Amino acid sequence: MMNISSRVAATAFASLFLISSAFAQTTAPATPAPAAKAAPAEKKAEKPRSAESLECSKEADTKGVHGKERKKFMSECKKAAKDAAAKPKT
């Protein structure tokens, strides 16, 4: 005859096998959560910056230009650098 503590131990031992097999059969969710939204942004490769862009950025840093003014300055600086490069040297 088994006493109560032996029955509890046997039940707990048997339930471990049942629970572990139940967890082993679960599948991953069909749609991944937030990681799927971040993946396209990571796949987008950045273009290498041009020499004009780097030079204009250094110049903007030395002048301490920030925000909207920096964006405007960078646009004008890169345009001027491209125009200067496009002019034929005589």
PDB file of N, CA and C in Angstrom:
ATOM      1  N   MET A   1       0.824  -1.168   0.000  1.00  0.00           N
ATOM      2  CA  MET A   1       0.000   0.000   0.000  1.00  0.00           C
ATOM      3  C   MET A   1       0.881   1.248   0.000  1.00  0.00           C
ATOM      4  N   MET A   2       0.425   2.184  -0.771  1.00  0.00           N
ATOM      5  CA  MET A   2       1.173   3.429  -0.896  1.00  0.00           C
ATOM      6  C   MET A   2       0.575   4.486   0.032  1.00  0.00           C
ATOM      7  N   ASN A   3       1.441   5.250   0.644  1.00  0.00           N
ATOM      8  CA  ASN A   3       0.906   6.332   1.458  1.00  0.00           C
ATOM      9  C   ASN A   3       0.703   7.573   0.585  1.00  0.00           C
ATOM     10  N   ILE A   4       0.149   8.615   1.145  1.00  0.00           N
ATOM     11  CA  ILE A   4      -0.237   9.800   0.386  1.00  0.00           C
ATOM     12  C   ILE A   4       0.987  10.507  -0.202  1.00  0.00           C
ATOM     13  N   SER A   5       2.071  10.603   0.538  1.00  0.00           N
ATOM     14  CA  SER A   5       3.240  11.317   0.032  1.00  0.00           C
ATOM     15  C   SER A   5       3.844  10.601  -1.176  1.00  0.00           C
ATOM     16  N   SER A   6       3.788   9.298  -1.218  1.00  0.00           N
ATOM     17  CA  SER A   6       4.297   8.551  -2.367  1.00  0.00           C
ATOM     18  C   SER A   6       3.418   8.796  -3.583  1.00  0.00           C
ATOM     19  N   ARG A   7       2.130   8.879  -3.397  1.00  0.00           N
ATOM     20  CA  ARG A   7       1.217   9.147  -4.501  1.00  0.00           C
ATOM     21  C   ARG A   7       1.420  10.562  -5.050  1.00  0.00           C
ATOM     22  N   VAL A   8       1.618  11.522  -4.174  1.00  0.00           N
ATOM     23  CA  VAL A   8       1.860  12.897  -4.608  1.00  0.00           C
ATOM     24  C   VAL A   8       3.164  12.969  -5.401  1.00  0.00           C
ATOM     25  N   ALA A   9       4.188  12.292  -4.923  1.00  0.00           N
ATOM     26  CA  ALA A   9       5.480  12.302  -5.621  1.00  0.00           C
ATOM     27  C   ALA A   9       5.355  11.649  -6.989  1.00  0.00           C
ATOM     28  N   ALA A  10       4.638  10.534  -7.069  1.00  0.00           N
ATOM     29  CA  ALA A  10       4.460   9.844  -8.348  1.00  0.00           C
ATOM     30  C   ALA A  10       3.643  10.694  -9.317  1.00  0.00           C
ATOM     31  N   THR A  11       2.629  11.375  -8.816  1.00  0.00           N
ATOM     32  CA  THR A  11       1.810  12.249  -9.649  1.00  0.00           C
ATOM     33  C   THR A  11       2.639  13.428 -10.165  1.00  0.00           C
ATOM     34  N   ALA A  12       3.443  14.028  -9.310  1.00  0.00           N
ATOM     35  CA  ALA A  12       4.286  15.151  -9.718  1.00  0.00           C
ATOM     36  C   ALA A  12       5.300  14.707 -10.766  1.00  0.00           C
ATOM     37  N   PHE A  13       5.882  13.539 -10.581  1.00  0.00           N
ATOM     38  CA  PHE A  13       6.863  13.016 -11.529  1.00  0.00           C
ATOM     39  C   PHE A  13       6.218  12.753 -12.891  1.00  0.00           C
ATOM     40  N   ALA A  14       5.027  12.172 -12.895  1.00  0.00           N
ATOM     41  CA  ALA A  14       4.322  11.883 -14.146  1.00  0.00           C
ATOM     42  C   ALA A  14       3.886  13.181 -14.837  1.00  0.00           C
ATOM     43  N   SER A  15       3.495  14.177 -14.047  1.00  0.00           N
ATOM     44  CA  SER A  15       3.048  15.435 -14.647  1.00  0.00           C
ATOM     45  C   SER A  15       4.208  16.173 -15.314  1.00  0.00           C
ATOM     46  N   LEU A  16       5.427  16.001 -14.824  1.00  0.00           N
ATOM     47  CA  LEU A  16       6.583  16.621 -15.467  1.00  0.00           C
ATOM     48  C   LEU A  16       6.751  16.111 -16.896  1.00  0.00           C
ATOM     49  N   PHE A  17       6.548  14.826 -17.105  1.00  0.00           N
ATOM     50  CA  PHE A  17       6.644  14.273 -18.458  1.00  0.00           C
ATOM     51  C   PHE A  17       5.544  14.822 -19.364  1.00  0.00           C
ATOM     52  N   LEU A  18       4.342  14.924 -18.834  1.00  0.00           N
ATOM     53  CA  LEU A  18       3.230  15.428 -19.633  1.00  0.00           C
ATOM     54  C   LEU A  18       3.404  16.915 -19.969  1.00  0.00           C
ATOM     55  N   ILE A  19       3.831  17.694 -19.013  1.00  0.00           N
ATOM     56  CA  ILE A  19       3.993  19.128 -19.237  1.00  0.00           C
ATOM     57  C   ILE A  19       5.136  19.389 -20.216  1.00  0.00           C
ATOM     58  N   SER A  20       6.244  18.682 -20.052  1.00  0.00           N
ATOM     59  CA  SER A  20       7.379  18.919 -20.944  1.00  0.00           C
ATOM     60  C   SER A  20       7.045  18.547 -22.387  1.00  0.00           C
ATOM     61  N   SER A  21       6.270  17.500 -22.580  1.00  0.00           N
ATOM     62  CA  SER A  21       5.899  17.143 -23.948  1.00  0.00           C
ATOM     63  C   SER A  21       4.910  18.158 -24.523  1.00  0.00           C
ATOM     64  N   ALA A  22       4.074  18.746 -23.677  1.00  0.00           N
ATOM     65  CA  ALA A  22       3.136  19.760 -24.154  1.00  0.00           C
ATOM     66  C   ALA A  22       3.882  21.016 -24.598  1.00  0.00           C
ATOM     67  N   PHE A  23       4.898  21.404 -23.860  1.00  0.00           N
ATOM     68  CA  PHE A  23       5.684  22.572 -24.250  1.00  0.00           C
ATOM     69  C   PHE A  23       6.532  22.297 -25.481  1.00  0.00           C
ATOM     70  N   ALA A  24       6.966  21.097 -25.653  1.00  0.00           N
ATOM     71  CA  ALA A  24       7.801  20.761 -26.798  1.00  0.00           C
ATOM     72  C   ALA A  24       7.008  20.808 -28.099  1.00  0.00           C
ATOM     73  N   GLN A  25       5.701  20.654 -28.031  1.00  0.00           N
ATOM     74  CA  GLN A  25       4.891  20.622 -29.232  1.00  0.00           C
ATOM     75  C   GLN A  25       4.356  21.990 -29.643  1.00  0.00           C
ATOM     76  N   THR A  26       4.597  23.011 -28.856  1.00  0.00           N
ATOM     77  CA  THR A  26       4.095  24.332 -29.229  1.00  0.00           C
ATOM     78  C   THR A  26       4.895  24.880 -30.402  1.00  0.00           C
ATOM     79  N   THR A  27       4.234  25.675 -31.218  1.00  0.00           N
ATOM     80  CA  THR A  27       4.890  26.252 -32.393  1.00  0.00           C
ATOM     81  C   THR A  27       5.051  27.752 -32.197  1.00  0.00           C
ATOM     82  N   ALA A  28       5.898  28.340 -32.976  1.00  0.00           N
ATOM     83  CA  ALA A  28       6.117  29.779 -32.922  1.00  0.00           C
ATOM     84  C   ALA A  28       4.910  30.486 -33.526  1.00  0.00           C
ATOM     85  N   PRO A  29       4.654  31.712 -33.124  1.00  0.00           N
ATOM     86  CA  PRO A  29       3.529  32.444 -33.710  1.00  0.00           C
ATOM     87  C   PRO A  29       3.741  32.657 -35.210  1.00  0.00           C
ATOM     88  N   ALA A  30       2.655  32.688 -35.940  1.00  0.00           N
ATOM     89  CA  ALA A  30       2.717  32.794 -37.398  1.00  0.00           C
ATOM     90  C   ALA A  30       3.294  34.137 -37.840  1.00  0.00           C
ATOM     91  N   THR A  31       2.951  35.205 -37.131  1.00  0.00           N
ATOM     92  CA  THR A  31       3.465  36.518 -37.499  1.00  0.00           C
ATOM     93  C   THR A  31       4.400  37.013 -36.413  1.00  0.00           C
ATOM     94  N   PRO A  32       5.639  37.313 -36.760  1.00  0.00           N
ATOM     95  CA  PRO A  32       6.550  37.839 -35.766  1.00  0.00           C
ATOM     96  C   PRO A  32       6.099  39.222 -35.298  1.00  0.00           C
ATOM     97  N   ALA A  33       6.394  39.543 -34.093  1.00  0.00           N
ATOM     98  CA  ALA A  33       5.938  40.798 -33.491  1.00  0.00           C
ATOM     99  C   ALA A  33       6.695  42.014 -34.019  1.00  0.00           C
ATOM    100  N   PRO A  34       7.188  42.886 -33.205  1.00  0.00           N
ATOM    101  CA  PRO A  34       7.794  44.129 -33.672  1.00  0.00           C
ATOM    102  C   PRO A  34       9.079  43.946 -34.484  1.00  0.00           C
ATOM    103  N   ALA A  35       9.716  42.809 -34.387  1.00  0.00           N
ATOM    104  CA  ALA A  35      10.967  42.600 -35.119  1.00  0.00           C
ATOM    105  C   ALA A  35      10.750  42.694 -36.626  1.00  0.00           C
ATOM    106  N   ALA A  36       9.579  42.332 -37.109  1.00  0.00           N
ATOM    107  CA  ALA A  36       9.293  42.394 -38.544  1.00  0.00           C
ATOM    108  C   ALA A  36       9.245  43.841 -39.030  1.00  0.00           C
ATOM    109  N   LYS A  37       8.810  44.745 -38.176  1.00  0.00           N
ATOM    110  CA  LYS A  37       8.747  46.148 -38.575  1.00  0.00           C
ATOM    111  C   LYS A  37      10.135  46.759 -38.636  1.00  0.00           C
ATOM    112  N   ALA A  38      11.042  46.323 -37.799  1.00  0.00           N
ATOM    113  CA  ALA A  38      12.388  46.877 -37.772  1.00  0.00           C
ATOM    114  C   ALA A  38      13.260  46.303 -38.891  1.00  0.00           C
ATOM    115  N   ALA A  39      12.924  45.134 -39.391  1.00  0.00           N
ATOM    116  CA  ALA A  39      13.758  44.473 -40.390  1.00  0.00           C
ATOM    117  C   ALA A  39      13.914  45.283 -41.680  1.00  0.00           C
ATOM    118  N   PRO A  40      12.843  45.861 -42.263  1.00  0.00           N
ATOM    119  CA  PRO A  40      13.047  46.618 -43.494  1.00  0.00           C
ATOM    120  C   PRO A  40      13.974  47.816 -43.310  1.00  0.00           C
ATOM    121  N   ALA A  41      13.926  48.442 -42.164  1.00  0.00           N
ATOM    122  CA  ALA A  41      14.804  49.579 -41.927  1.00  0.00           C
ATOM    123  C   ALA A  41      16.256  49.133 -41.853  1.00  0.00           C
ATOM    124  N   GLU A  42      16.488  47.949 -41.313  1.00  0.00           N
ATOM    125  CA  GLU A  42      17.848  47.446 -41.217  1.00  0.00           C
ATOM    126  C   GLU A  42      18.376  47.013 -42.581  1.00  0.00           C
ATOM    127  N   LYS A  43      17.511  46.541 -43.443  1.00  0.00           N
ATOM    128  CA  LYS A  43      17.938  46.070 -44.750  1.00  0.00           C
ATOM    129  C   LYS A  43      18.324  47.222 -45.666  1.00  0.00           C
ATOM    130  N   LYS A  44      17.768  48.391 -45.382  1.00  0.00           N
ATOM    131  CA  LYS A  44      18.048  49.544 -46.217  1.00  0.00           C
ATOM    132  C   LYS A  44      19.507  49.957 -46.001  1.00  0.00           C
ATOM    133  N   ALA A  45      20.272  49.859 -47.053  1.00  0.00           N
ATOM    134  CA  ALA A  45      21.688  50.201 -46.960  1.00  0.00           C
ATOM    135  C   ALA A  45      21.865  51.700 -47.168  1.00  0.00           C
ATOM    136  N   GLU A  46      22.761  52.267 -46.374  1.00  0.00           N
ATOM    137  CA  GLU A  46      23.034  53.683 -46.516  1.00  0.00           C
ATOM    138  C   GLU A  46      24.001  53.909 -47.675  1.00  0.00           C
ATOM    139  N   LYS A  47      23.768  54.987 -48.406  1.00  0.00           N
ATOM    140  CA  LYS A  47      24.671  55.344 -49.493  1.00  0.00           C
ATOM    141  C   LYS A  47      25.941  55.916 -48.872  1.00  0.00           C
ATOM    142  N   PRO A  48      27.059  55.659 -49.484  1.00  0.00           N
ATOM    143  CA  PRO A  48      28.279  56.304 -48.995  1.00  0.00           C
ATOM    144  C   PRO A  48      28.194  57.807 -49.258  1.00  0.00           C
ATOM    145  N   ARG A  49      28.684  58.587 -48.324  1.00  0.00           N
ATOM    146  CA  ARG A  49      28.610  60.039 -48.469  1.00  0.00           C
ATOM    147  C   ARG A  49      29.667  60.525 -49.441  1.00  0.00           C
ATOM    148  N   SER A  50      29.287  61.511 -50.223  1.00  0.00           N
ATOM    149  CA  SER A  50      30.217  62.058 -51.219  1.00  0.00           C
ATOM    150  C   SER A  50      31.248  62.941 -50.527  1.00  0.00           C
ATOM    151  N   ALA A  51      32.315  63.223 -51.251  1.00  0.00           N
ATOM    152  CA  ALA A  51      33.367  64.080 -50.713  1.00  0.00           C
ATOM    153  C   ALA A  51      32.819  65.485 -50.443  1.00  0.00           C
ATOM    154  N   GLU A  52      31.936  65.951 -51.335  1.00  0.00           N
ATOM    155  CA  GLU A  52      31.335  67.273 -51.145  1.00  0.00           C
ATOM    156  C   GLU A  52      30.512  67.314 -49.862  1.00  0.00           C
ATOM    157  N   SER A  53      29.743  66.265 -49.634  1.00  0.00           N
ATOM    158  CA  SER A  53      28.902  66.198 -48.442  1.00  0.00           C
ATOM    159  C   SER A  53      29.741  66.196 -47.170  1.00  0.00           C
ATOM    160  N   LEU A  54      30.812  65.428 -47.177  1.00  0.00           N
ATOM    161  CA  LEU A  54      31.681  65.373 -46.003  1.00  0.00           C
ATOM    162  C   LEU A  54      32.347  66.727 -45.749  1.00  0.00           C
ATOM    163  N   GLU A  55      32.800  67.357 -46.804  1.00  0.00           N
ATOM    164  CA  GLU A  55      33.458  68.661 -46.661  1.00  0.00           C
ATOM    165  C   GLU A  55      32.479  69.709 -46.149  1.00  0.00           C
ATOM    166  N   CYS A  56      31.267  69.716 -46.682  1.00  0.00           N
ATOM    167  CA  CYS A  56      30.251  70.673 -46.236  1.00  0.00           C
ATOM    168  C   CYS A  56      29.859  70.409 -44.781  1.00  0.00           C
ATOM    169  N   SER A  57      29.813  69.137 -44.395  1.00  0.00           N
ATOM    170  CA  SER A  57      29.484  68.793 -43.019  1.00  0.00           C
ATOM    171  C   SER A  57      30.555  69.300 -42.058  1.00  0.00           C
ATOM    172  N   LYS A  58      31.812  69.153 -42.442  1.00  0.00           N
ATOM    173  CA  LYS A  58      32.908  69.659 -41.597  1.00  0.00           C
ATOM    174  C   LYS A  58      32.822  71.175 -41.465  1.00  0.00           C
ATOM    175  N   GLU A  59      32.503  71.827 -42.571  1.00  0.00           N
ATOM    176  CA  GLU A  59      32.390  73.294 -42.556  1.00  0.00           C
ATOM    177  C   GLU A  59      31.224  73.732 -41.673  1.00  0.00           C
ATOM    178  N   ALA A  60      30.109  73.020 -41.738  1.00  0.00           N
ATOM    179  CA  ALA A  60      28.952  73.341 -40.903  1.00  0.00           C
ATOM    180  C   ALA A  60      29.282  73.122 -39.425  1.00  0.00           C
ATOM    181  N   ASP A  61      30.073  72.088 -39.131  1.00  0.00           N
ATOM    182  CA  ASP A  61      30.476  71.840 -37.745  1.00  0.00           C
ATOM    183  C   ASP A  61      31.329  72.982 -37.211  1.00  0.00           C
ATOM    184  N   THR A  62      32.262  73.439 -38.013  1.00  0.00           N
ATOM    185  CA  THR A  62      33.131  74.530 -37.557  1.00  0.00           C
ATOM    186  C   THR A  62      32.355  75.822 -37.350  1.00  0.00           C
ATOM    187  N   LYS A  63      31.313  76.036 -38.145  1.00  0.00           N
ATOM    188  CA  LYS A  63      30.487  77.239 -37.995  1.00  0.00           C
ATOM    189  C   LYS A  63      29.440  77.070 -36.894  1.00  0.00           C
ATOM    190  N   GLY A  64      29.214  75.843 -36.435  1.00  0.00           N
ATOM    191  CA  GLY A  64      28.241  75.597 -35.370  1.00  0.00           C
ATOM    192  C   GLY A  64      26.807  75.710 -35.841  1.00  0.00           C
ATOM    193  N   VAL A  65      26.547  75.337 -37.077  1.00  0.00           N
ATOM    194  CA  VAL A  65      25.204  75.423 -37.645  1.00  0.00           C
ATOM    195  C   VAL A  65      24.429  74.152 -37.282  1.00  0.00           C
ATOM    196  N   HIS A  66      23.172  74.317 -36.813  1.00  0.00           N
ATOM    197  CA  HIS A  66      22.353  73.177 -36.405  1.00  0.00           C
ATOM    198  C   HIS A  66      20.919  73.338 -36.896  1.00  0.00           C
ATOM    199  N   GLY A  67      20.204  72.233 -36.923  1.00  0.00           N
ATOM    200  CA  GLY A  67      18.775  72.234 -37.234  1.00  0.00           C
ATOM    201  C   GLY A  67      18.466  72.596 -38.669  1.00  0.00           C
ATOM    202  N   LYS A  68      17.416  73.401 -38.825  1.00  0.00           N
ATOM    203  CA  LYS A  68      16.962  73.787 -40.166  1.00  0.00           C
ATOM    204  C   LYS A  68      18.026  74.596 -40.899  1.00  0.00           C
ATOM    205  N   GLU A  69      18.752  75.406 -40.142  1.00  0.00           N
ATOM    206  CA  GLU A  69      19.806  76.202 -40.767  1.00  0.00           C
ATOM    207  C   GLU A  69      20.891  75.294 -41.345  1.00  0.00           C
ATOM    208  N   ARG A  70      21.215  74.221 -40.636  1.00  0.00           N
ATOM    209  CA  ARG A  70      22.239  73.290 -41.124  1.00  0.00           C
ATOM    210  C   ARG A  70      21.775  72.612 -42.409  1.00  0.00           C
ATOM    211  N   LYS A  71      20.508  72.199 -42.425  1.00  0.00           N
ATOM    212  CA  LYS A  71      19.968  71.546 -43.618  1.00  0.00           C
ATOM    213  C   LYS A  71      20.049  72.491 -44.817  1.00  0.00           C
ATOM    214  N   LYS A  72      19.674  73.743 -44.603  1.00  0.00           N
ATOM    215  CA  LYS A  72      19.730  74.734 -45.683  1.00  0.00           C
ATOM    216  C   LYS A  72      21.182  74.975 -46.105  1.00  0.00           C
ATOM    217  N   PHE A  73      22.063  75.113 -45.126  1.00  0.00           N
ATOM    218  CA  PHE A  73      23.480  75.335 -45.421  1.00  0.00           C
ATOM    219  C   PHE A  73      24.061  74.166 -46.205  1.00  0.00           C
ATOM    220  N   MET A  74      23.755  72.933 -45.780  1.00  0.00           N
ATOM    221  CA  MET A  74      24.282  71.745 -46.458  1.00  0.00           C
ATOM    222  C   MET A  74      23.795  71.689 -47.900  1.00  0.00           C
ATOM    223  N   SER A  75      22.527  71.994 -48.106  1.00  0.00           N
ATOM    224  CA  SER A  75      21.965  71.968 -49.456  1.00  0.00           C
ATOM    225  C   SER A  75      22.677  72.970 -50.364  1.00  0.00           C
ATOM    226  N   GLU A  76      22.836  74.204 -49.870  1.00  0.00           N
ATOM    227  CA  GLU A  76      23.494  75.236 -50.666  1.00  0.00           C
ATOM    228  C   GLU A  76      24.966  74.911 -50.894  1.00  0.00           C
ATOM    229  N   CYS A  77      25.630  74.390 -49.871  1.00  0.00           N
ATOM    230  CA  CYS A  77      27.050  74.070 -49.974  1.00  0.00           C
ATOM    231  C   CYS A  77      27.293  72.953 -50.990  1.00  0.00           C
ATOM    232  N   LYS A  78      26.479  71.901 -50.926  1.00  0.00           N
ATOM    233  CA  LYS A  78      26.649  70.792 -51.873  1.00  0.00           C
ATOM    234  C   LYS A  78      26.331  71.232 -53.297  1.00  0.00           C
ATOM    235  N   LYS A  79      25.325  72.087 -53.439  1.00  0.00           N
ATOM    236  CA  LYS A  79      24.984  72.591 -54.777  1.00  0.00           C
ATOM    237  C   LYS A  79      26.138  73.417 -55.330  1.00  0.00           C
ATOM    238  N   ALA A  80      26.722  74.263 -54.507  1.00  0.00           N
ATOM    239  CA  ALA A  80      27.840  75.091 -54.937  1.00  0.00           C
ATOM    240  C   ALA A  80      29.048  74.223 -55.282  1.00  0.00           C
ATOM    241  N   ALA A  81      29.293  73.164 -54.510  1.00  0.00           N
ATOM    242  CA  ALA A  81      30.427  72.286 -54.770  1.00  0.00           C
ATOM    243  C   ALA A  81      30.228  71.525 -56.089  1.00  0.00           C
ATOM    244  N   LYS A  82      29.005  71.097 -56.355  1.00  0.00           N
ATOM    245  CA  LYS A  82      28.744  70.386 -57.612  1.00  0.00           C
ATOM    246  C   LYS A  82      28.861  71.328 -58.804  1.00  0.00           C
ATOM    247  N   ASP A  83      28.393  72.580 -58.630  1.00  0.00           N
ATOM    248  CA  ASP A  83      28.512  73.564 -59.712  1.00  0.00           C
ATOM    249  C   ASP A  83      29.974  73.875 -60.003  1.00  0.00           C
ATOM    250  N   ALA A  84      30.776  73.978 -58.956  1.00  0.00           N
ATOM    251  CA  ALA A  84      32.204  74.268 -59.133  1.00  0.00           C
ATOM    252  C   ALA A  84      32.907  73.094 -59.808  1.00  0.00           C
ATOM    253  N   ALA A  85      32.508  71.885 -59.499  1.00  0.00           N
ATOM    254  CA  ALA A  85      33.111  70.707 -60.117  1.00  0.00           C
ATOM    255  C   ALA A  85      32.670  70.554 -61.567  1.00  0.00           C
ATOM    256  N   ALA A  86      31.470  71.022 -61.893  1.00  0.00           N
ATOM    257  CA  ALA A  86      30.947  70.875 -63.242  1.00  0.00           C
ATOM    258  C   ALA A  86      31.546  71.890 -64.224  1.00  0.00           C
ATOM    259  N   LYS A  87      32.044  73.005 -63.700  1.00  0.00           N
ATOM    260  CA  LYS A  87      32.618  74.017 -64.592  1.00  0.00           C
ATOM    261  C   LYS A  87      33.905  73.492 -65.193  1.00  0.00           C
ATOM    262  N   PRO A  88      34.050  73.637 -66.508  1.00  0.00           N
ATOM    263  CA  PRO A  88      35.297  73.180 -67.133  1.00  0.00           C
ATOM    264  C   PRO A  88      36.459  74.081 -66.760  1.00  0.00           C
ATOM    265  N   LYS A  89      37.601  73.474 -66.525  1.00  0.00           N
ATOM    266  CA  LYS A  89      38.800  74.244 -66.183  1.00  0.00           C
ATOM    267  C   LYS A  89      39.474  74.717 -67.466  1.00  0.00           C
ATOM    268  N   THR A  90      39.776  76.007 -67.503  1.00  0.00           N
ATOM    269  CA  THR A  90      40.435  76.571 -68.692  1.00  0.00           C
ATOM    270  C   THR A  90      41.771  77.145 -68.344  1.00  0.00           C
TER     271      THR A  90
END
